[in-house]
């Protein structure tokens, strides 16, 4: 994965890890900004049908390296701005 891909103007970077990367067939991509955090999962579901139930409902999300409580994302949640970095981090198991 490229280290910290630079977002083009008017976009934010989204990084996909583990099963999120497998599901999307991408390690990262750029999405249009601004985007209300409350619309992130809806936006990803529109791009990758089924991702919400299979990946997003059990993942961690960071925005600029700060964890976001996805169970508490409401219409009042902050907006993801151009240049921000969002990471989708599914649970990892070891054995």
PDB file of N, CA and C in Angstrom:
ATOM      1  N   UNK A   1       0.856  -1.170   0.000  1.00  0.00           N
ATOM      2  CA  UNK A   1       0.000   0.000   0.000  1.00  0.00           C
ATOM      3  C   UNK A   1       0.897   1.227   0.000  1.00  0.00           C
ATOM      4  N   UNK A   2       0.620   2.203  -0.851  1.00  0.00           N
ATOM      5  CA  UNK A   2       1.430   3.402  -0.845  1.00  0.00           C
ATOM      6  C   UNK A   2       1.278   4.122   0.490  1.00  0.00           C
ATOM      7  N   UNK A   3       2.377   4.667   0.968  1.00  0.00           N
ATOM      8  CA  UNK A   3       2.337   5.398   2.237  1.00  0.00           C
ATOM      9  C   UNK A   3       1.637   6.729   2.041  1.00  0.00           C
ATOM     10  N   UNK A   4       0.560   6.935   2.784  1.00  0.00           N
ATOM     11  CA  UNK A   4      -0.173   8.199   2.784  1.00  0.00           C
ATOM     12  C   UNK A   4      -0.420   8.764   1.389  1.00  0.00           C
ATOM     13  N   UNK A   5      -1.260   8.117   0.598  1.00  0.00           N
ATOM     14  CA  UNK A   5      -1.555   8.684  -0.717  1.00  0.00           C
ATOM     15  C   UNK A   5      -2.148  10.081  -0.573  1.00  0.00           C
ATOM     16  N   UNK A   6      -1.640  11.004  -1.367  1.00  0.00           N
ATOM     17  CA  UNK A   6      -2.077  12.403  -1.296  1.00  0.00           C
ATOM     18  C   UNK A   6      -3.404  12.578  -2.021  1.00  0.00           C
ATOM     19  N   UNK A   7      -4.369  13.174  -1.332  1.00  0.00           N
ATOM     20  CA  UNK A   7      -5.684  13.394  -1.923  1.00  0.00           C
ATOM     21  C   UNK A   7      -5.640  14.501  -2.960  1.00  0.00           C
ATOM     22  N   UNK A   8      -6.272  14.288  -4.116  1.00  0.00           N
ATOM     23  CA  UNK A   8      -6.416  15.388  -5.073  1.00  0.00           C
ATOM     24  C   UNK A   8      -7.341  16.460  -4.489  1.00  0.00           C
ATOM     25  N   UNK A   9      -7.307  17.650  -5.063  1.00  0.00           N
ATOM     26  CA  UNK A   9      -8.183  18.727  -4.601  1.00  0.00           C
ATOM     27  C   UNK A   9      -9.634  18.274  -4.590  1.00  0.00           C
ATOM     28  N   UNK A  10     -10.333  18.625  -3.518  1.00  0.00           N
ATOM     29  CA  UNK A  10     -11.752  18.327  -3.422  1.00  0.00           C
ATOM     30  C   UNK A  10     -12.083  16.890  -3.083  1.00  0.00           C
ATOM     31  N   UNK A  11     -11.087  16.122  -2.642  1.00  0.00           N
ATOM     32  CA  UNK A  11     -11.314  14.710  -2.330  1.00  0.00           C
ATOM     33  C   UNK A  11     -10.643  14.357  -1.002  1.00  0.00           C
ATOM     34  N   UNK A  12     -11.099  13.246  -0.409  1.00  0.00           N
ATOM     35  CA  UNK A  12     -10.411  12.694   0.748  1.00  0.00           C
ATOM     36  C   UNK A  12      -9.961  11.279   0.399  1.00  0.00           C
ATOM     37  N   UNK A  13      -8.993  10.782   1.138  1.00  0.00           N
ATOM     38  CA  UNK A  13      -8.447   9.445   0.919  1.00  0.00           C
ATOM     39  C   UNK A  13      -9.155   8.471   1.845  1.00  0.00           C
ATOM     40  N   UNK A  14      -9.525   7.327   1.310  1.00  0.00           N
ATOM     41  CA  UNK A  14     -10.054   6.254   2.142  1.00  0.00           C
ATOM     42  C   UNK A  14      -9.145   5.042   1.968  1.00  0.00           C
ATOM     43  N   UNK A  15      -8.695   4.497   3.085  1.00  0.00           N
ATOM     44  CA  UNK A  15      -7.801   3.342   3.101  1.00  0.00           C
ATOM     45  C   UNK A  15      -8.595   2.121   3.536  1.00  0.00           C
ATOM     46  N   UNK A  16      -8.420   1.020   2.819  1.00  0.00           N
ATOM     47  CA  UNK A  16      -9.111  -0.227   3.134  1.00  0.00           C
ATOM     48  C   UNK A  16      -8.085  -1.247   3.616  1.00  0.00           C
ATOM     49  N   UNK A  17      -8.355  -1.858   4.762  1.00  0.00           N
ATOM     50  CA  UNK A  17      -7.449  -2.846   5.315  1.00  0.00           C
ATOM     51  C   UNK A  17      -8.125  -4.219   5.364  1.00  0.00           C
ATOM     52  N   UNK A  18      -7.297  -5.252   5.295  1.00  0.00           N
ATOM     53  CA  UNK A  18      -7.715  -6.651   5.460  1.00  0.00           C
ATOM     54  C   UNK A  18      -8.921  -6.980   4.570  1.00  0.00           C
ATOM     55  N   UNK A  19     -10.006  -7.498   5.167  1.00  0.00           N
ATOM     56  CA  UNK A  19     -11.151  -7.938   4.365  1.00  0.00           C
ATOM     57  C   UNK A  19     -11.824  -6.787   3.621  1.00  0.00           C
ATOM     58  N   UNK A  20     -11.698  -5.556   4.115  1.00  0.00           N
ATOM     59  CA  UNK A  20     -12.256  -4.402   3.393  1.00  0.00           C
ATOM     60  C   UNK A  20     -11.524  -4.217   2.071  1.00  0.00           C
ATOM     61  N   UNK A  21     -10.225  -4.427   2.084  1.00  0.00           N
ATOM     62  CA  UNK A  21      -9.438  -4.334   0.855  1.00  0.00           C
ATOM     63  C   UNK A  21      -9.811  -5.464  -0.109  1.00  0.00           C
ATOM     64  N   UNK A  22      -9.984  -6.661   0.426  1.00  0.00           N
ATOM     65  CA  UNK A  22     -10.391  -7.790  -0.419  1.00  0.00           C
ATOM     66  C   UNK A  22     -11.769  -7.548  -1.024  1.00  0.00           C
ATOM     67  N   UNK A  23     -12.690  -7.023  -0.229  1.00  0.00           N
ATOM     68  CA  UNK A  23     -14.059  -6.813  -0.692  1.00  0.00           C
ATOM     69  C   UNK A  23     -14.128  -5.765  -1.806  1.00  0.00           C
ATOM     70  N   UNK A  24     -13.366  -4.683  -1.649  1.00  0.00           N
ATOM     71  CA  UNK A  24     -13.407  -3.598  -2.633  1.00  0.00           C
ATOM     72  C   UNK A  24     -12.418  -3.792  -3.783  1.00  0.00           C
ATOM     73  N   UNK A  25     -11.505  -4.739  -3.622  1.00  0.00           N
ATOM     74  CA  UNK A  25     -10.397  -4.942  -4.580  1.00  0.00           C
ATOM     75  C   UNK A  25      -9.535  -3.696  -4.695  1.00  0.00           C
ATOM     76  N   UNK A  26      -9.450  -2.953  -3.595  1.00  0.00           N
ATOM     77  CA  UNK A  26      -8.639  -1.736  -3.563  1.00  0.00           C
ATOM     78  C   UNK A  26      -7.959  -1.631  -2.205  1.00  0.00           C
ATOM     79  N   UNK A  27      -6.813  -0.992  -2.199  1.00  0.00           N
ATOM     80  CA  UNK A  27      -6.157  -0.659  -0.935  1.00  0.00           C
ATOM     81  C   UNK A  27      -6.518   0.758  -0.512  1.00  0.00           C
ATOM     82  N   UNK A  28      -6.842   1.592  -1.498  1.00  0.00           N
ATOM     83  CA  UNK A  28      -7.231   2.971  -1.204  1.00  0.00           C
ATOM     84  C   UNK A  28      -7.952   3.543  -2.411  1.00  0.00           C
ATOM     85  N   UNK A  29      -8.631   4.650  -2.174  1.00  0.00           N
ATOM     86  CA  UNK A  29      -9.248   5.408  -3.260  1.00  0.00           C
ATOM     87  C   UNK A  29      -9.562   6.799  -2.743  1.00  0.00           C
ATOM     88  N   UNK A  30      -9.968   7.658  -3.650  1.00  0.00           N
ATOM     89  CA  UNK A  30     -10.321   9.033  -3.302  1.00  0.00           C
ATOM     90  C   UNK A  30     -11.819   9.214  -3.521  1.00  0.00           C
ATOM     91  N   UNK A  31     -12.467   9.855  -2.547  1.00  0.00           N
ATOM     92  CA  UNK A  31     -13.892  10.139  -2.661  1.00  0.00           C
ATOM     93  C   UNK A  31     -14.119  11.639  -2.553  1.00  0.00           C
ATOM     94  N   UNK A  32     -15.201  12.128  -3.150  1.00  0.00           N
ATOM     95  CA  UNK A  32     -15.474  13.571  -3.123  1.00  0.00           C
ATOM     96  C   UNK A  32     -15.733  14.077  -1.705  1.00  0.00           C
ATOM     97  N   UNK A  33     -15.192  15.245  -1.435  1.00  0.00           N
ATOM     98  CA  UNK A  33     -15.391  15.920  -0.144  1.00  0.00           C
ATOM     99  C   UNK A  33     -16.046  17.265  -0.417  1.00  0.00           C
ATOM    100  N   UNK A  34     -16.749  17.791   0.539  1.00  0.00           N
ATOM    101  CA  UNK A  34     -16.989  17.253   1.880  1.00  0.00           C
ATOM    102  C   UNK A  34     -18.051  16.152   1.864  1.00  0.00           C
ATOM    103  N   UNK A  35     -17.981  15.298   2.891  1.00  0.00           N
ATOM    104  CA  UNK A  35     -18.968  14.231   3.067  1.00  0.00           C
ATOM    105  C   UNK A  35     -19.285  14.139   4.553  1.00  0.00           C
ATOM    106  N   UNK A  36     -20.548  14.304   4.941  1.00  0.00           N
ATOM    107  CA  UNK A  36     -20.883  14.129   6.358  1.00  0.00           C
ATOM    108  C   UNK A  36     -20.508  12.709   6.786  1.00  0.00           C
ATOM    109  N   UNK A  37     -19.862  12.579   7.939  1.00  0.00           N
ATOM    110  CA  UNK A  37     -19.469  11.259   8.428  1.00  0.00           C
ATOM    111  C   UNK A  37     -20.674  10.332   8.523  1.00  0.00           C
ATOM    112  N   UNK A  38     -21.825  10.892   8.789  1.00  0.00           N
ATOM    113  CA  UNK A  38     -23.045  10.086   8.889  1.00  0.00           C
ATOM    114  C   UNK A  38     -23.441   9.457   7.549  1.00  0.00           C
ATOM    115  N   UNK A  39     -22.870   9.922   6.451  1.00  0.00           N
ATOM    116  CA  UNK A  39     -23.185   9.402   5.115  1.00  0.00           C
ATOM    117  C   UNK A  39     -22.101   8.460   4.583  1.00  0.00           C
ATOM    118  N   UNK A  40     -21.032   8.244   5.354  1.00  0.00           N
ATOM    119  CA  UNK A  40     -19.909   7.446   4.858  1.00  0.00           C
ATOM    120  C   UNK A  40     -20.341   6.024   4.494  1.00  0.00           C
ATOM    121  N   UNK A  41     -20.995   5.307   5.415  1.00  0.00           N
ATOM    122  CA  UNK A  41     -21.377   3.923   5.147  1.00  0.00           C
ATOM    123  C   UNK A  41     -22.371   3.849   3.995  1.00  0.00           C
ATOM    124  N   UNK A  42     -23.298   4.780   3.939  1.00  0.00           N
ATOM    125  CA  UNK A  42     -24.278   4.826   2.850  1.00  0.00           C
ATOM    126  C   UNK A  42     -23.568   5.004   1.506  1.00  0.00           C
ATOM    127  N   UNK A  43     -22.570   5.871   1.479  1.00  0.00           N
ATOM    128  CA  UNK A  43     -21.806   6.121   0.254  1.00  0.00           C
ATOM    129  C   UNK A  43     -21.043   4.874  -0.176  1.00  0.00           C
ATOM    130  N   UNK A  44     -20.418   4.203   0.788  1.00  0.00           N
ATOM    131  CA  UNK A  44     -19.660   2.987   0.462  1.00  0.00           C
ATOM    132  C   UNK A  44     -20.585   1.853   0.033  1.00  0.00           C
ATOM    133  N   UNK A  45     -21.750   1.747   0.660  1.00  0.00           N
ATOM    134  CA  UNK A  45     -22.724   0.716   0.266  1.00  0.00           C
ATOM    135  C   UNK A  45     -23.196   0.943  -1.168  1.00  0.00           C
ATOM    136  N   UNK A  46     -23.367   2.193  -1.569  1.00  0.00           N
ATOM    137  CA  UNK A  46     -23.779   2.495  -2.945  1.00  0.00           C
ATOM    138  C   UNK A  46     -22.696   2.090  -3.949  1.00  0.00           C
ATOM    139  N   UNK A  47     -21.437   2.168  -3.540  1.00  0.00           N
ATOM    140  CA  UNK A  47     -20.323   1.808  -4.428  1.00  0.00           C
ATOM    141  C   UNK A  47     -20.054   0.307  -4.429  1.00  0.00           C
ATOM    142  N   UNK A  48     -20.224  -0.318  -3.264  1.00  0.00           N
ATOM    143  CA  UNK A  48     -19.879  -1.729  -3.077  1.00  0.00           C
ATOM    144  C   UNK A  48     -21.049  -2.433  -2.390  1.00  0.00           C
ATOM    145  N   UNK A  49     -22.002  -2.864  -3.166  1.00  0.00           N
ATOM    146  CA  UNK A  49     -23.219  -3.474  -2.636  1.00  0.00           C
ATOM    147  C   UNK A  49     -22.898  -4.620  -1.671  1.00  0.00           C
ATOM    148  N   UNK A  50     -23.503  -4.568  -0.488  1.00  0.00           N
ATOM    149  CA  UNK A  50     -23.308  -5.605   0.516  1.00  0.00           C
ATOM    150  C   UNK A  50     -22.196  -5.339   1.506  1.00  0.00           C
ATOM    151  N   UNK A  51     -21.387  -4.297   1.283  1.00  0.00           N
ATOM    152  CA  UNK A  51     -20.243  -4.040   2.153  1.00  0.00           C
ATOM    153  C   UNK A  51     -20.662  -3.670   3.572  1.00  0.00           C
ATOM    154  N   UNK A  52     -21.806  -3.038   3.716  1.00  0.00           N
ATOM    155  CA  UNK A  52     -22.221  -2.609   5.061  1.00  0.00           C
ATOM    156  C   UNK A  52     -22.414  -3.817   5.966  1.00  0.00           C
ATOM    157  N   UNK A  53     -23.187  -4.785   5.529  1.00  0.00           N
ATOM    158  CA  UNK A  53     -23.466  -5.963   6.359  1.00  0.00           C
ATOM    159  C   UNK A  53     -22.237  -6.855   6.527  1.00  0.00           C
ATOM    160  N   UNK A  54     -21.442  -6.990   5.479  1.00  0.00           N
ATOM    161  CA  UNK A  54     -20.324  -7.927   5.527  1.00  0.00           C
ATOM    162  C   UNK A  54     -19.067  -7.347   6.164  1.00  0.00           C
ATOM    163  N   UNK A  55     -18.860  -6.036   6.075  1.00  0.00           N
ATOM    164  CA  UNK A  55     -17.612  -5.433   6.547  1.00  0.00           C
ATOM    165  C   UNK A  55     -17.864  -4.289   7.529  1.00  0.00           C
ATOM    166  N   UNK A  56     -18.631  -3.313   7.106  1.00  0.00           N
ATOM    167  CA  UNK A  56     -18.716  -2.050   7.847  1.00  0.00           C
ATOM    168  C   UNK A  56     -19.377  -2.170   9.212  1.00  0.00           C
ATOM    169  N   UNK A  57     -20.362  -3.055   9.355  1.00  0.00           N
ATOM    170  CA  UNK A  57     -21.068  -3.173  10.632  1.00  0.00           C
ATOM    171  C   UNK A  57     -20.166  -3.640  11.773  1.00  0.00           C
ATOM    172  N   UNK A  58     -19.022  -4.242  11.446  1.00  0.00           N
ATOM    173  CA  UNK A  58     -18.140  -4.746  12.499  1.00  0.00           C
ATOM    174  C   UNK A  58     -16.740  -4.131  12.459  1.00  0.00           C
ATOM    175  N   UNK A  59     -16.564  -3.062  11.697  1.00  0.00           N
ATOM    176  CA  UNK A  59     -15.227  -2.494  11.534  1.00  0.00           C
ATOM    177  C   UNK A  59     -14.992  -1.288  12.446  1.00  0.00           C
ATOM    178  N   UNK A  60     -13.734  -0.923  12.546  1.00  0.00           N
ATOM    179  CA  UNK A  60     -13.335   0.333  13.170  1.00  0.00           C
ATOM    180  C   UNK A  60     -13.106   1.337  12.055  1.00  0.00           C
ATOM    181  N   UNK A  61     -13.344   2.598  12.363  1.00  0.00           N
ATOM    182  CA  UNK A  61     -13.123   3.670  11.391  1.00  0.00           C
ATOM    183  C   UNK A  61     -12.288   4.746  12.063  1.00  0.00           C
ATOM    184  N   UNK A  62     -11.290   5.242  11.331  1.00  0.00           N
ATOM    185  CA  UNK A  62     -10.540   6.402  11.804  1.00  0.00           C
ATOM    186  C   UNK A  62     -10.674   7.525  10.791  1.00  0.00           C
ATOM    187  N   UNK A  63     -10.638   8.736  11.299  1.00  0.00           N
ATOM    188  CA  UNK A  63     -10.557   9.928  10.457  1.00  0.00           C
ATOM    189  C   UNK A  63      -9.348  10.697  10.969  1.00  0.00           C
ATOM    190  N   UNK A  64      -8.356  10.843  10.110  1.00  0.00           N
ATOM    191  CA  UNK A  64      -7.097  11.505  10.485  1.00  0.00           C
ATOM    192  C   UNK A  64      -6.507  10.878  11.739  1.00  0.00           C
ATOM    193  N   UNK A  65      -6.484   9.537  11.758  1.00  0.00           N
ATOM    194  CA  UNK A  65      -5.891   8.714  12.820  1.00  0.00           C
ATOM    195  C   UNK A  65      -6.640   8.759  14.144  1.00  0.00           C
ATOM    196  N   UNK A  66      -7.820   9.352  14.165  1.00  0.00           N
ATOM    197  CA  UNK A  66      -8.657   9.385  15.376  1.00  0.00           C
ATOM    198  C   UNK A  66      -9.822   8.418  15.179  1.00  0.00           C
ATOM    199  N   UNK A  67      -9.999   7.523  16.142  1.00  0.00           N
ATOM    200  CA  UNK A  67     -11.113   6.578  16.041  1.00  0.00           C
ATOM    201  C   UNK A  67     -12.445   7.305  16.098  1.00  0.00           C
ATOM    202  N   UNK A  68     -13.388   6.831  15.285  1.00  0.00           N
ATOM    203  CA  UNK A  68     -14.741   7.372  15.235  1.00  0.00           C
ATOM    204  C   UNK A  68     -15.674   6.283  15.738  1.00  0.00           C
ATOM    205  N   UNK A  69     -16.559   6.624  16.654  1.00  0.00           N
ATOM    206  CA  UNK A  69     -17.530   5.664  17.167  1.00  0.00           C
ATOM    207  C   UNK A  69     -18.635   5.509  16.137  1.00  0.00           C
ATOM    208  N   UNK A  70     -18.567   4.453  15.340  1.00  0.00           N
ATOM    209  CA  UNK A  70     -19.538   4.277  14.255  1.00  0.00           C
ATOM    210  C   UNK A  70     -20.932   3.960  14.779  1.00  0.00           C
ATOM    211  N   UNK A  71     -21.038   3.482  15.998  1.00  0.00           N
ATOM    212  CA  UNK A  71     -22.360   3.217  16.575  1.00  0.00           C
ATOM    213  C   UNK A  71     -23.055   4.518  16.947  1.00  0.00           C
ATOM    214  N   UNK A  72     -22.281   5.593  17.027  1.00  0.00           N
ATOM    215  CA  UNK A  72     -22.823   6.866  17.484  1.00  0.00           C
ATOM    216  C   UNK A  72     -22.763   7.947  16.404  1.00  0.00           C
ATOM    217  N   UNK A  73     -22.551   7.547  15.138  1.00  0.00           N
ATOM    218  CA  UNK A  73     -22.520   8.540  14.065  1.00  0.00           C
ATOM    219  C   UNK A  73     -23.944   8.992  13.797  1.00  0.00           C
ATOM    220  N   UNK A  74     -24.171  10.268  13.951  1.00  0.00           N
ATOM    221  CA  UNK A  74     -25.507  10.818  13.736  1.00  0.00           C
ATOM    222  C   UNK A  74     -25.406  11.951  12.724  1.00  0.00           C
ATOM    223  N   UNK A  75     -26.522  12.564  12.467  1.00  0.00           N
ATOM    224  CA  UNK A  75     -26.546  13.694  11.541  1.00  0.00           C
ATOM    225  C   UNK A  75     -25.678  14.839  12.047  1.00  0.00           C
ATOM    226  N   UNK A  76     -25.403  14.870  13.357  1.00  0.00           N
ATOM    227  CA  UNK A  76     -24.561  15.918  13.934  1.00  0.00           C
ATOM    228  C   UNK A  76     -23.075  15.588  13.886  1.00  0.00           C
ATOM    229  N   UNK A  77     -22.718  14.432  13.323  1.00  0.00           N
ATOM    230  CA  UNK A  77     -21.317  14.013  13.261  1.00  0.00           C
ATOM    231  C   UNK A  77     -20.522  14.991  12.393  1.00  0.00           C
ATOM    232  N   UNK A  78     -19.229  15.049  12.632  1.00  0.00           N
ATOM    233  CA  UNK A  78     -18.397  15.961  11.838  1.00  0.00           C
ATOM    234  C   UNK A  78     -18.399  15.594  10.354  1.00  0.00           C
ATOM    235  N   UNK A  79     -17.956  16.515   9.560  1.00  0.00           N
ATOM    236  CA  UNK A  79     -17.869  16.333   8.116  1.00  0.00           C
ATOM    237  C   UNK A  79     -16.451  15.932   7.735  1.00  0.00           C
ATOM    238  N   UNK A  80     -16.337  14.959   6.845  1.00  0.00           N
ATOM    239  CA  UNK A  80     -15.037  14.574   6.294  1.00  0.00           C
ATOM    240  C   UNK A  80     -14.695  15.605   5.223  1.00  0.00           C
ATOM    241  N   UNK A  81     -13.531  16.229   5.395  1.00  0.00           N
ATOM    242  CA  UNK A  81     -13.145  17.338   4.517  1.00  0.00           C
ATOM    243  C   UNK A  81     -12.097  16.904   3.500  1.00  0.00           C
ATOM    244  N   UNK A  82     -11.929  17.721   2.472  1.00  0.00           N
ATOM    245  CA  UNK A  82     -10.888  17.487   1.470  1.00  0.00           C
ATOM    246  C   UNK A  82      -9.543  17.383   2.174  1.00  0.00           C
ATOM    247  N   UNK A  83      -8.753  16.395   1.779  1.00  0.00           N
ATOM    248  CA  UNK A  83      -7.437  16.183   2.365  1.00  0.00           C
ATOM    249  C   UNK A  83      -7.442  15.262   3.572  1.00  0.00           C
ATOM    250  N   UNK A  84      -8.626  14.950   4.122  1.00  0.00           N
ATOM    251  CA  UNK A  84      -8.700  14.038   5.262  1.00  0.00           C
ATOM    252  C   UNK A  84      -8.343  12.621   4.834  1.00  0.00           C
ATOM    253  N   UNK A  85      -7.964  11.802   5.826  1.00  0.00           N
ATOM    254  CA  UNK A  85      -7.671  10.396   5.590  1.00  0.00           C
ATOM    255  C   UNK A  85      -8.599   9.557   6.460  1.00  0.00           C
ATOM    256  N   UNK A  86      -9.359   8.680   5.827  1.00  0.00           N
ATOM    257  CA  UNK A  86     -10.290   7.782   6.504  1.00  0.00           C
ATOM    258  C   UNK A  86      -9.765   6.370   6.335  1.00  0.00           C
ATOM    259  N   UNK A  87      -9.793   5.579   7.407  1.00  0.00           N
ATOM    260  CA  UNK A  87      -9.378   4.180   7.321  1.00  0.00           C
ATOM    261  C   UNK A  87     -10.521   3.283   7.762  1.00  0.00           C
ATOM    262  N   UNK A  88     -10.727   2.211   7.006  1.00  0.00           N
ATOM    263  CA  UNK A  88     -11.706   1.180   7.333  1.00  0.00           C
ATOM    264  C   UNK A  88     -10.897  -0.024   7.807  1.00  0.00           C
ATOM    265  N   UNK A  89     -11.082  -0.392   9.096  1.00  0.00           N
ATOM    266  CA  UNK A  89     -10.256  -1.435   9.707  1.00  0.00           C
ATOM    267  C   UNK A  89     -11.166  -2.532  10.250  1.00  0.00           C
ATOM    268  N   UNK A  90     -11.294  -3.642   9.500  1.00  0.00           N
ATOM    269  CA  UNK A  90     -12.116  -4.756   9.970  1.00  0.00           C
ATOM    270  C   UNK A  90     -11.444  -5.468  11.145  1.00  0.00           C
ATOM    271  N   UNK A  91     -12.225  -6.260  11.890  1.00  0.00           N
ATOM    272  CA  UNK A  91     -11.616  -7.029  12.979  1.00  0.00           C
ATOM    273  C   UNK A  91     -10.586  -8.000  12.420  1.00  0.00           C
ATOM    274  N   UNK A  92      -9.562  -8.242  13.179  1.00  0.00           N
ATOM    275  CA  UNK A  92      -8.495  -9.149  12.762  1.00  0.00           C
ATOM    276  C   UNK A  92      -8.451 -10.288  13.764  1.00  0.00           C
ATOM    277  N   UNK A  93      -8.361 -11.501  13.267  1.00  0.00           N
ATOM    278  CA  UNK A  93      -8.237 -12.643  14.174  1.00  0.00           C
ATOM    279  C   UNK A  93      -6.858 -13.255  13.994  1.00  0.00           C
ATOM    280  N   UNK A  94      -6.402 -13.890  15.037  1.00  0.00           N
ATOM    281  CA  UNK A  94      -5.116 -14.583  14.949  1.00  0.00           C
ATOM    282  C   UNK A  94      -5.300 -15.966  15.552  1.00  0.00           C
ATOM    283  N   UNK A  95      -4.388 -16.806  15.223  1.00  0.00           N
ATOM    284  CA  UNK A  95      -4.563 -18.160  15.725  1.00  0.00           C
ATOM    285  C   UNK A  95      -3.310 -18.853  16.014  1.00  0.00           C
TER     286      UNK A  95
END
